[in-house]
Structures are given as structure tokens and as C-alpha cells.
Amino acid sequence: MTNVKVGMNGRFFPNNWRPVLDEICFTHAAGFCALQFQGKESGLTDEHLGASLTETERALNAANLSATMELLIRLQEDGRTLLGKTPLEILEANLPAIQSLPCQHVHWHLVLEPPKKAAEQLESALLPEFAGATRLAAQHGFTFAFEHNEPALNFFSTPQSCAATLESVPELHFVWDLNHTVPDHLPGFKALASRTSLLHVADTPLPAVNHHLPLGLGTVDFTDYARPLSLAGFQGFAILEIGGLPKSGGLGRDTDDALMDSKNRLERAFAAATG
């Protein structure tokens, strides 16, 4: 048996929109432990979900599901979005939803647009934002983390830069996206297992990354990735983020059947790592 707690990314996208109450029913019936919500720059609201936050909380509780939230934030060189918001301001805007659902785990996925070679300066400049976010997390009772990018994005994209950020903010946690990890970076990200509080999981045809394929359609050895996490006592959620990007043949691969099959494959991989 394995202790990995598999969740899934809520399919609340324009081309695959499912009302949240229906998605919760599927998530529960398929045996998942958690559902990941996508926060919004102005804050996640009833309108985004197709149901009220109160109804959503009741449905999650009835299904014995946990909630997590990802905040995908596209930054300019000044560390703000096109609308002038900082990451911390966006986190604050989502606090009502974080508290209502409630979300056990919240993380930033920060992307610099366009990618810059001098992104290290912005990474350092954002350290006070990370510190502020961990204080909010402690105040409101959730775990806060940040996610790394694939190397091509040049922003929080190496184990070294992520380790430096974690060292600077001791209360901060890490989201390891297995699908973003190139083979050369694997040892470095394995070394961060003790700070990892959430996984994003999808397959990809290595050495190419970020294809977001259902498990089994790429070449990732998930048992190998699971071993250091098991040794470190990882107890977080492993969120399936499958579907496929244009470079992998297009979207739409996050079917119910694909999610259930990927869940089973991931559980077997963790069981093999701990067996």
C-alpha cells in the first residue's frame, strides 16, 4: 500500500467547463482525495465556479475531499501583472475563497513574461512577497508554497534557484512539478524532497518537458521520482495535471477515464517505491 494522496486539477476551463458540483461528484466517485482550484487575479468567486462558495464547501465536505489552490501569476519585469497587481495582493484577493472552501494548500506558479536572462534579480526581489505570503498562511491556517518552471522559462526554473529561495524563507514550501523536470535537474529537485509539500504530476516524453500527458503516454519513471519523496516522509497531495498542451498533440486528454487510469498508475508507482 502507499500513502500518496492523489488529487486532480479541476477542469474549469472554457473548452472543458464543468460546474464545480458535478466535478466534485466525479472526483469523489473516482476515489481522489483532493480537488485543485485555480485562483483569479481579482479573487475566485461564485461566478467562476458555477455554484456559491458555500455550496462548494458543503459538497467538498460531504465528499470528504480536500481543496488546494494554484495561483498562476504572469509577471512583468517590475514584479507586477499587467493590471499592476503584486503576487501578495493576488493572494489577499483570494483569501475569501481560500477560507471558505477551505484550502489546505495554496501555491504561486509565477511566470515571467517574456522570459528574461536576468530573471534572477526579480527572483531575489520577490523574497519579501514570499515572506508575506507565509505570514498570511500561518495566520489563516494553510500551507503556502511556490512551483518551479521548465528551464525554457528562465524563472524559478533550476533546483539551485528554488533551493536559494527556500533557504531565504524558511517557512516556505515547494511544489515539485514532475512534468517540468528535465533529466539534468532531477538530482537537484530530489534533494528538495524534504521541503516539498505538493506534487504536480503529468507525463512527458523526456528529455522534452511540459507536455502534460496522461501517465503512460510519456517516459517519466514515476517510481524513481517517488523514492526520495517516500524517504523524506512526503504526506502532501499529488495533483494530476493531465490534458496535453499544443506541442503534445493538443488539449482534451483529461478525460474521466484518463484521470482514473493515471491515478491508478501513480499509486502503483508510489507503492513500488515504498515496497
C-alpha atoms as a PDB file:
ATOM      1  CA  MET A   1       0.000   0.000   0.000  1.00  0.00           C
ATOM      2  CA  THR A   2       1.019   3.617  -0.426  1.00  0.00           C
ATOM      3  CA  ASN A   3       0.303   6.775   1.496  1.00  0.00           C
ATOM      4  CA  VAL A   4       0.242   9.052  -1.557  1.00  0.00           C
ATOM      5  CA  LYS A   5      -2.912  11.158  -1.634  1.00  0.00           C
ATOM      6  CA  VAL A   6      -3.858  11.696  -5.270  1.00  0.00           C
ATOM      7  CA  GLY A   7      -5.900  14.720  -6.280  1.00  0.00           C
ATOM      8  CA  MET A   8      -6.778  16.291  -9.600  1.00  0.00           C
ATOM      9  CA  ASN A   9      -6.891  19.693 -11.190  1.00  0.00           C
ATOM     10  CA  GLY A  10     -10.461  20.941 -11.521  1.00  0.00           C
ATOM     11  CA  ARG A  11     -11.447  21.115 -15.176  1.00  0.00           C
ATOM     12  CA  PHE A  12     -12.908  24.600 -15.004  1.00  0.00           C
ATOM     13  CA  PHE A  13     -11.561  25.716 -18.383  1.00  0.00           C
ATOM     14  CA  PRO A  14     -13.514  27.464 -21.191  1.00  0.00           C
ATOM     15  CA  ASN A  15     -13.147  24.477 -23.533  1.00  0.00           C
ATOM     16  CA  ASN A  16     -13.916  21.884 -20.859  1.00  0.00           C
ATOM     17  CA  TRP A  17     -16.030  23.674 -18.280  1.00  0.00           C
ATOM     18  CA  ARG A  18     -17.869  21.513 -15.791  1.00  0.00           C
ATOM     19  CA  PRO A  19     -19.851  23.021 -12.914  1.00  0.00           C
ATOM     20  CA  VAL A  20     -17.956  22.577  -9.699  1.00  0.00           C
ATOM     21  CA  LEU A  21     -20.616  20.448  -8.009  1.00  0.00           C
ATOM     22  CA  ASP A  22     -20.501  17.971 -10.895  1.00  0.00           C
ATOM     23  CA  GLU A  23     -16.704  17.910 -10.788  1.00  0.00           C
ATOM     24  CA  ILE A  24     -16.799  17.217  -7.068  1.00  0.00           C
ATOM     25  CA  CYS A  25     -19.141  14.271  -7.677  1.00  0.00           C
ATOM     26  CA  PHE A  26     -16.717  12.788 -10.207  1.00  0.00           C
ATOM     27  CA  THR A  27     -13.667  13.431  -8.037  1.00  0.00           C
ATOM     28  CA  HIS A  28     -15.295  11.629  -5.130  1.00  0.00           C
ATOM     29  CA  ALA A  29     -16.641   8.722  -7.193  1.00  0.00           C
ATOM     30  CA  ALA A  30     -13.210   8.162  -8.781  1.00  0.00           C
ATOM     31  CA  GLY A  31     -11.526   7.904  -5.375  1.00  0.00           C
ATOM     32  CA  PHE A  32      -9.477  11.117  -5.444  1.00  0.00           C
ATOM     33  CA  CYS A  33      -8.543  12.858  -2.202  1.00  0.00           C
ATOM     34  CA  ALA A  34      -8.388  16.477  -3.326  1.00  0.00           C
ATOM     35  CA  LEU A  35      -9.522  18.945  -5.954  1.00  0.00           C
ATOM     36  CA  GLN A  36      -7.299  21.807  -7.110  1.00  0.00           C
ATOM     37  CA  PHE A  37      -8.911  25.171  -7.787  1.00  0.00           C
ATOM     38  CA  GLN A  38      -7.436  27.967  -9.887  1.00  0.00           C
ATOM     39  CA  GLY A  39      -7.419  31.320  -8.119  1.00  0.00           C
ATOM     40  CA  LYS A  40      -8.132  34.505 -10.049  1.00  0.00           C
ATOM     41  CA  GLU A  41      -6.317  37.830 -10.123  1.00  0.00           C
ATOM     42  CA  SER A  42      -9.353  39.569  -8.617  1.00  0.00           C
ATOM     43  CA  GLY A  43     -10.239  36.602  -6.413  1.00  0.00           C
ATOM     44  CA  LEU A  44     -12.085  33.329  -7.053  1.00  0.00           C
ATOM     45  CA  THR A  45     -15.859  33.863  -6.869  1.00  0.00           C
ATOM     46  CA  ASP A  46     -19.156  32.007  -7.249  1.00  0.00           C
ATOM     47  CA  GLU A  47     -19.342  33.128 -10.885  1.00  0.00           C
ATOM     48  CA  HIS A  48     -16.125  31.291 -11.753  1.00  0.00           C
ATOM     49  CA  LEU A  49     -17.362  28.040 -10.217  1.00  0.00           C
ATOM     50  CA  GLY A  50     -20.986  27.782 -11.280  1.00  0.00           C
ATOM     51  CA  ALA A  51     -22.035  27.480  -7.624  1.00  0.00           C
ATOM     52  CA  SER A  52     -21.635  29.509  -4.478  1.00  0.00           C
ATOM     53  CA  LEU A  53     -18.583  29.084  -2.299  1.00  0.00           C
ATOM     54  CA  THR A  54     -20.888  27.927   0.493  1.00  0.00           C
ATOM     55  CA  GLU A  55     -22.447  25.226  -1.707  1.00  0.00           C
ATOM     56  CA  THR A  56     -18.986  24.201  -2.877  1.00  0.00           C
ATOM     57  CA  GLU A  57     -17.727  23.865   0.699  1.00  0.00           C
ATOM     58  CA  ARG A  58     -20.724  21.703   1.630  1.00  0.00           C
ATOM     59  CA  ALA A  59     -20.184  19.455  -1.387  1.00  0.00           C
ATOM     60  CA  LEU A  60     -16.474  19.069  -0.629  1.00  0.00           C
ATOM     61  CA  ASN A  61     -17.235  18.183   2.985  1.00  0.00           C
ATOM     62  CA  ALA A  62     -19.920  15.692   2.001  1.00  0.00           C
ATOM     63  CA  ALA A  63     -17.483  14.041  -0.421  1.00  0.00           C
ATOM     64  CA  ASN A  64     -14.655  14.103   2.154  1.00  0.00           C
ATOM     65  CA  LEU A  65     -12.466  15.996  -0.322  1.00  0.00           C
ATOM     66  CA  SER A  66      -9.729  18.488   0.449  1.00  0.00           C
ATOM     67  CA  ALA A  67      -9.224  21.657  -1.579  1.00  0.00           C
ATOM     68  CA  THR A  68      -5.997  23.169  -2.850  1.00  0.00           C
ATOM     69  CA  MET A  69      -5.487  26.358  -4.840  1.00  0.00           C
ATOM     70  CA  GLU A  70      -2.997  27.327  -7.511  1.00  0.00           C
ATOM     71  CA  LEU A  71      -2.405  30.983  -8.341  1.00  0.00           C
ATOM     72  CA  LEU A  72      -0.879  31.183 -11.819  1.00  0.00           C
ATOM     73  CA  ILE A  73       0.506  34.720 -11.958  1.00  0.00           C
ATOM     74  CA  ARG A  74       2.091  36.215 -15.066  1.00  0.00           C
ATOM     75  CA  LEU A  75       4.528  38.922 -14.037  1.00  0.00           C
ATOM     76  CA  GLN A  76       6.242  41.736 -15.892  1.00  0.00           C
ATOM     77  CA  GLU A  77       9.818  42.829 -15.182  1.00  0.00           C
ATOM     78  CA  ASP A  78       8.640  45.076 -12.335  1.00  0.00           C
ATOM     79  CA  GLY A  79       7.215  42.101 -10.448  1.00  0.00           C
ATOM     80  CA  ARG A  80       3.596  43.076 -11.143  1.00  0.00           C
ATOM     81  CA  THR A  81       0.936  41.793 -13.503  1.00  0.00           C
ATOM     82  CA  LEU A  82      -0.305  43.785 -16.485  1.00  0.00           C
ATOM     83  CA  LEU A  83      -3.051  45.077 -14.179  1.00  0.00           C
ATOM     84  CA  GLY A  84      -0.431  46.256 -11.690  1.00  0.00           C
ATOM     85  CA  LYS A  85      -1.052  43.622  -9.017  1.00  0.00           C
ATOM     86  CA  THR A  86       1.688  42.023  -6.933  1.00  0.00           C
ATOM     87  CA  PRO A  87       1.588  38.305  -6.086  1.00  0.00           C
ATOM     88  CA  LEU A  88       0.812  39.134  -2.463  1.00  0.00           C
ATOM     89  CA  GLU A  89      -2.118  41.342  -3.479  1.00  0.00           C
ATOM     90  CA  ILE A  90      -3.499  38.498  -5.591  1.00  0.00           C
ATOM     91  CA  LEU A  91      -3.148  36.071  -2.690  1.00  0.00           C
ATOM     92  CA  GLU A  92      -5.034  38.528  -0.461  1.00  0.00           C
ATOM     93  CA  ALA A  93      -7.808  38.845  -3.075  1.00  0.00           C
ATOM     94  CA  ASN A  94      -8.285  35.073  -2.987  1.00  0.00           C
ATOM     95  CA  LEU A  95      -8.358  34.775   0.799  1.00  0.00           C
ATOM     96  CA  PRO A  96     -12.189  34.742   1.000  1.00  0.00           C
ATOM     97  CA  ALA A  97     -12.290  31.666  -1.255  1.00  0.00           C
ATOM     98  CA  ILE A  98      -9.289  30.075   0.458  1.00  0.00           C
ATOM     99  CA  GLN A  99     -11.033  30.395   3.811  1.00  0.00           C
ATOM    100  CA  SER A 100     -14.488  29.434   2.555  1.00  0.00           C
ATOM    101  CA  LEU A 101     -13.615  26.195   0.769  1.00  0.00           C
ATOM    102  CA  PRO A 102     -11.268  25.902   2.814  1.00  0.00           C
ATOM    103  CA  CYS A 103      -7.981  25.288   1.008  1.00  0.00           C
ATOM    104  CA  GLN A 104      -5.376  23.287   2.899  1.00  0.00           C
ATOM    105  CA  HIS A 105      -2.639  24.146   0.449  1.00  0.00           C
ATOM    106  CA  VAL A 106      -2.089  27.267  -1.682  1.00  0.00           C
ATOM    107  CA  HIS A 107       0.773  27.986  -4.017  1.00  0.00           C
ATOM    108  CA  TRP A 108       2.071  30.521  -6.503  1.00  0.00           C
ATOM    109  CA  HIS A 109       3.073  29.499 -10.001  1.00  0.00           C
ATOM    110  CA  LEU A 110       4.948  32.610 -11.084  1.00  0.00           C
ATOM    111  CA  VAL A 111       5.763  33.134 -14.755  1.00  0.00           C
ATOM    112  CA  LEU A 112       7.815  35.990 -16.178  1.00  0.00           C
ATOM    113  CA  GLU A 113       6.568  37.344 -19.496  1.00  0.00           C
ATOM    114  CA  PRO A 114       8.533  37.451 -21.628  1.00  0.00           C
ATOM    115  CA  PRO A 115      11.291  35.245 -20.148  1.00  0.00           C
ATOM    116  CA  LYS A 116      14.453  37.203 -19.346  1.00  0.00           C
ATOM    117  CA  LYS A 117      18.019  36.087 -18.793  1.00  0.00           C
ATOM    118  CA  ALA A 118      18.259  38.453 -15.823  1.00  0.00           C
ATOM    119  CA  ALA A 119      15.301  36.855 -14.027  1.00  0.00           C
ATOM    120  CA  GLU A 120      17.490  36.072 -11.001  1.00  0.00           C
ATOM    121  CA  GLN A 121      17.217  39.711  -9.937  1.00  0.00           C
ATOM    122  CA  LEU A 122      13.433  39.511  -9.862  1.00  0.00           C
ATOM    123  CA  GLU A 123      13.571  36.192  -8.000  1.00  0.00           C
ATOM    124  CA  SER A 124      15.542  37.935  -5.258  1.00  0.00           C
ATOM    125  CA  ALA A 125      13.296  40.998  -5.316  1.00  0.00           C
ATOM    126  CA  LEU A 126      10.258  38.794  -4.666  1.00  0.00           C
ATOM    127  CA  LEU A 127      11.598  37.343  -1.413  1.00  0.00           C
ATOM    128  CA  PRO A 128       9.622  39.850   0.737  1.00  0.00           C
ATOM    129  CA  GLU A 129       6.476  38.776  -1.142  1.00  0.00           C
ATOM    130  CA  PHE A 130       7.168  35.142  -0.278  1.00  0.00           C
ATOM    131  CA  ALA A 131       7.766  36.066   3.366  1.00  0.00           C
ATOM    132  CA  GLY A 132       4.499  37.994   3.456  1.00  0.00           C
ATOM    133  CA  ALA A 133       2.651  35.053   1.932  1.00  0.00           C
ATOM    134  CA  THR A 134       3.962  32.639   4.566  1.00  0.00           C
ATOM    135  CA  ARG A 135       2.803  35.019   7.294  1.00  0.00           C
ATOM    136  CA  LEU A 136      -0.691  35.090   5.772  1.00  0.00           C
ATOM    137  CA  ALA A 137      -0.661  31.305   5.541  1.00  0.00           C
ATOM    138  CA  ALA A 138       0.241  30.964   9.210  1.00  0.00           C
ATOM    139  CA  GLN A 139      -2.454  33.450  10.162  1.00  0.00           C
ATOM    140  CA  HIS A 140      -5.184  31.713   8.162  1.00  0.00           C
ATOM    141  CA  GLY A 141      -4.120  28.092   8.627  1.00  0.00           C
ATOM    142  CA  PHE A 142      -2.975  26.853   5.232  1.00  0.00           C
ATOM    143  CA  THR A 143       0.319  25.650   3.785  1.00  0.00           C
ATOM    144  CA  PHE A 144       1.939  28.029   1.299  1.00  0.00           C
ATOM    145  CA  ALA A 145       4.399  27.050  -1.430  1.00  0.00           C
ATOM    146  CA  PHE A 146       5.739  28.012  -4.845  1.00  0.00           C
ATOM    147  CA  GLU A 147       6.099  25.980  -8.028  1.00  0.00           C
ATOM    148  CA  HIS A 148       9.085  25.810 -10.360  1.00  0.00           C
ATOM    149  CA  ASN A 149       9.019  26.244 -14.144  1.00  0.00           C
ATOM    150  CA  GLU A 150      10.568  24.343 -17.015  1.00  0.00           C
ATOM    151  CA  PRO A 151      14.086  25.593 -17.929  1.00  0.00           C
ATOM    152  CA  ALA A 152      12.958  27.466 -21.059  1.00  0.00           C
ATOM    153  CA  LEU A 153      11.068  29.980 -18.909  1.00  0.00           C
ATOM    154  CA  ASN A 154      14.237  31.115 -17.057  1.00  0.00           C
ATOM    155  CA  PHE A 155      12.344  31.917 -13.862  1.00  0.00           C
ATOM    156  CA  PHE A 156      12.418  29.724 -10.744  1.00  0.00           C
ATOM    157  CA  SER A 157      13.449  27.045 -13.204  1.00  0.00           C
ATOM    158  CA  THR A 158      16.525  25.404 -11.656  1.00  0.00           C
ATOM    159  CA  PRO A 159      16.966  23.430  -8.435  1.00  0.00           C
ATOM    160  CA  GLN A 160      19.596  25.963  -7.387  1.00  0.00           C
ATOM    161  CA  SER A 161      17.306  28.983  -7.672  1.00  0.00           C
ATOM    162  CA  CYS A 162      14.484  27.155  -5.904  1.00  0.00           C
ATOM    163  CA  ALA A 163      16.801  25.993  -3.112  1.00  0.00           C
ATOM    164  CA  ALA A 164      18.068  29.551  -2.637  1.00  0.00           C
ATOM    165  CA  THR A 165      14.501  30.843  -2.299  1.00  0.00           C
ATOM    166  CA  LEU A 166      13.623  28.135   0.215  1.00  0.00           C
ATOM    167  CA  GLU A 167      16.755  28.888   2.222  1.00  0.00           C
ATOM    168  CA  SER A 168      15.860  32.581   2.350  1.00  0.00           C
ATOM    169  CA  VAL A 169      12.279  31.943   3.527  1.00  0.00           C
ATOM    170  CA  PRO A 170      12.359  29.012   5.989  1.00  0.00           C
ATOM    171  CA  GLU A 171       8.554  28.758   6.319  1.00  0.00           C
ATOM    172  CA  LEU A 172       8.080  28.447   2.560  1.00  0.00           C
ATOM    173  CA  HIS A 173       7.241  25.111   0.929  1.00  0.00           C
ATOM    174  CA  PHE A 174       7.905  23.752  -2.553  1.00  0.00           C
ATOM    175  CA  VAL A 175       5.697  22.364  -5.344  1.00  0.00           C
ATOM    176  CA  TRP A 176       7.611  19.872  -7.468  1.00  0.00           C
ATOM    177  CA  ASP A 177       6.156  19.541 -10.958  1.00  0.00           C
ATOM    178  CA  LEU A 178       7.474  16.243 -12.289  1.00  0.00           C
ATOM    179  CA  ASN A 179       6.396  17.205 -15.795  1.00  0.00           C
ATOM    180  CA  HIS A 180       8.591  20.348 -15.677  1.00  0.00           C
ATOM    181  CA  THR A 181      11.748  18.484 -14.650  1.00  0.00           C
ATOM    182  CA  VAL A 182      14.490  17.876 -17.226  1.00  0.00           C
ATOM    183  CA  PRO A 183      16.750  14.857 -16.535  1.00  0.00           C
ATOM    184  CA  ASP A 184      19.780  17.002 -15.661  1.00  0.00           C
ATOM    185  CA  HIS A 185      17.785  18.729 -12.912  1.00  0.00           C
ATOM    186  CA  LEU A 186      16.335  15.573 -11.386  1.00  0.00           C
ATOM    187  CA  PRO A 187      19.011  15.070  -8.672  1.00  0.00           C
ATOM    188  CA  GLY A 188      18.647  18.694  -7.572  1.00  0.00           C
ATOM    189  CA  PHE A 189      14.880  18.515  -7.266  1.00  0.00           C
ATOM    190  CA  LYS A 190      15.088  15.167  -5.475  1.00  0.00           C
ATOM    191  CA  ALA A 191      17.269  16.937  -2.909  1.00  0.00           C
ATOM    192  CA  LEU A 192      14.335  19.283  -2.154  1.00  0.00           C
ATOM    193  CA  ALA A 193      12.040  16.399  -1.172  1.00  0.00           C
ATOM    194  CA  SER A 194      12.010  17.398   2.485  1.00  0.00           C
ATOM    195  CA  ARG A 195      10.637  20.857   1.583  1.00  0.00           C
ATOM    196  CA  THR A 196       8.126  19.520  -0.954  1.00  0.00           C
ATOM    197  CA  SER A 197       4.520  19.814   0.207  1.00  0.00           C
ATOM    198  CA  LEU A 198       2.685  19.240  -3.088  1.00  0.00           C
ATOM    199  CA  LEU A 199       3.317  17.432  -6.364  1.00  0.00           C
ATOM    200  CA  HIS A 200       2.046  18.239  -9.829  1.00  0.00           C
ATOM    201  CA  VAL A 201       2.008  15.095 -11.906  1.00  0.00           C
ATOM    202  CA  ALA A 202       1.782  14.507 -15.654  1.00  0.00           C
ATOM    203  CA  ASP A 203       3.785  12.528 -18.186  1.00  0.00           C
ATOM    204  CA  THR A 204       6.117  13.901 -20.843  1.00  0.00           C
ATOM    205  CA  PRO A 205       8.459  12.395 -23.480  1.00  0.00           C
ATOM    206  CA  LEU A 206      11.802  13.145 -21.823  1.00  0.00           C
ATOM    207  CA  PRO A 207      14.050  14.967 -22.417  1.00  0.00           C
ATOM    208  CA  ALA A 208      11.187  17.185 -23.658  1.00  0.00           C
ATOM    209  CA  VAL A 209       9.160  18.571 -20.769  1.00  0.00           C
ATOM    210  CA  ASN A 210       5.822  20.246 -20.045  1.00  0.00           C
ATOM    211  CA  HIS A 211       3.650  18.084 -22.321  1.00  0.00           C
ATOM    212  CA  HIS A 212       1.056  17.360 -19.579  1.00  0.00           C
ATOM    213  CA  LEU A 213       0.186  13.915 -20.910  1.00  0.00           C
ATOM    214  CA  PRO A 214      -1.775  11.204 -19.096  1.00  0.00           C
ATOM    215  CA  LEU A 215       0.539   8.801 -17.285  1.00  0.00           C
ATOM    216  CA  GLY A 216       1.858   6.111 -19.594  1.00  0.00           C
ATOM    217  CA  LEU A 217       1.943   8.304 -22.703  1.00  0.00           C
ATOM    218  CA  GLY A 218       5.396   9.708 -21.909  1.00  0.00           C
ATOM    219  CA  THR A 219       8.621   8.310 -20.490  1.00  0.00           C
ATOM    220  CA  VAL A 220       8.750   9.551 -16.875  1.00  0.00           C
ATOM    221  CA  ASP A 221       9.794   6.860 -14.376  1.00  0.00           C
ATOM    222  CA  PHE A 222       7.407   7.831 -11.597  1.00  0.00           C
ATOM    223  CA  THR A 223       8.708   5.154  -9.223  1.00  0.00           C
ATOM    224  CA  ASP A 224      12.176   6.715  -9.407  1.00  0.00           C
ATOM    225  CA  TYR A 225      10.723  10.150  -8.656  1.00  0.00           C
ATOM    226  CA  ALA A 226       8.692   8.757  -5.758  1.00  0.00           C
ATOM    227  CA  ARG A 227      11.606   7.156  -3.879  1.00  0.00           C
ATOM    228  CA  PRO A 228      13.177  10.320  -2.392  1.00  0.00           C
ATOM    229  CA  LEU A 229       9.721  11.628  -1.512  1.00  0.00           C
ATOM    230  CA  SER A 230       8.897   8.433   0.338  1.00  0.00           C
ATOM    231  CA  LEU A 231      12.232   8.543   2.159  1.00  0.00           C
ATOM    232  CA  ALA A 232      11.536  12.152   3.168  1.00  0.00           C
ATOM    233  CA  GLY A 233       8.117  11.178   4.533  1.00  0.00           C
ATOM    234  CA  PHE A 234       6.130  13.109   1.952  1.00  0.00           C
ATOM    235  CA  GLN A 235       2.496  13.395   3.077  1.00  0.00           C
ATOM    236  CA  GLY A 236       1.182  16.020   0.661  1.00  0.00           C
ATOM    237  CA  PHE A 237      -1.178  15.734  -2.251  1.00  0.00           C
ATOM    238  CA  ALA A 238      -0.107  14.613  -5.711  1.00  0.00           C
ATOM    239  CA  ILE A 239      -2.279  16.605  -8.104  1.00  0.00           C
ATOM    240  CA  LEU A 240      -2.802  15.215 -11.594  1.00  0.00           C
ATOM    241  CA  GLU A 241      -2.489  17.977 -14.176  1.00  0.00           C
ATOM    242  CA  ILE A 242      -3.023  15.995 -17.347  1.00  0.00           C
ATOM    243  CA  GLY A 243      -4.599  17.113 -20.590  1.00  0.00           C
ATOM    244  CA  GLY A 244      -1.873  17.872 -23.084  1.00  0.00           C
ATOM    245  CA  LEU A 245      -0.515  21.123 -24.489  1.00  0.00           C
ATOM    246  CA  PRO A 246      -0.470  22.011 -28.211  1.00  0.00           C
ATOM    247  CA  LYS A 247       3.086  20.701 -28.552  1.00  0.00           C
ATOM    248  CA  SER A 248       1.935  17.288 -27.318  1.00  0.00           C
ATOM    249  CA  GLY A 249      -0.956  16.991 -29.718  1.00  0.00           C
ATOM    250  CA  GLY A 250      -3.449  19.377 -28.234  1.00  0.00           C
ATOM    251  CA  LEU A 251      -5.774  19.676 -25.262  1.00  0.00           C
ATOM    252  CA  GLY A 252      -8.650  17.414 -24.307  1.00  0.00           C
ATOM    253  CA  ARG A 253      -6.803  14.376 -22.954  1.00  0.00           C
ATOM    254  CA  ASP A 254      -8.001  14.975 -19.385  1.00  0.00           C
ATOM    255  CA  THR A 255     -10.960  12.611 -19.788  1.00  0.00           C
ATOM    256  CA  ASP A 256     -12.558  10.835 -16.850  1.00  0.00           C
ATOM    257  CA  ASP A 257     -11.046   7.542 -17.980  1.00  0.00           C
ATOM    258  CA  ALA A 258      -7.575   9.062 -18.409  1.00  0.00           C
ATOM    259  CA  LEU A 259      -7.697  10.609 -14.934  1.00  0.00           C
ATOM    260  CA  MET A 260      -8.725   7.343 -13.288  1.00  0.00           C
ATOM    261  CA  ASP A 261      -6.059   5.385 -15.171  1.00  0.00           C
ATOM    262  CA  SER A 262      -3.378   7.957 -14.295  1.00  0.00           C
ATOM    263  CA  LYS A 263      -4.419   7.843 -10.639  1.00  0.00           C
ATOM    264  CA  ASN A 264      -4.014   4.055 -10.586  1.00  0.00           C
ATOM    265  CA  ARG A 265      -0.606   4.255 -12.289  1.00  0.00           C
ATOM    266  CA  LEU A 266       0.648   6.857  -9.820  1.00  0.00           C
ATOM    267  CA  GLU A 267      -0.495   4.859  -6.817  1.00  0.00           C
ATOM    268  CA  ARG A 268       1.288   1.777  -8.170  1.00  0.00           C
ATOM    269  CA  ALA A 269       4.461   3.830  -8.694  1.00  0.00           C
ATOM    270  CA  PHE A 270       4.471   5.034  -5.089  1.00  0.00           C
ATOM    271  CA  ALA A 271       3.683   1.545  -3.829  1.00  0.00           C
ATOM    272  CA  ALA A 272       6.675   0.212  -5.761  1.00  0.00           C
ATOM    273  CA  ALA A 273       8.886   2.970  -4.341  1.00  0.00           C
ATOM    274  CA  THR A 274       7.951   2.093  -0.770  1.00  0.00           C
ATOM    275  CA  GLY A 275       7.746  -1.683  -1.203  1.00  0.00           C
END
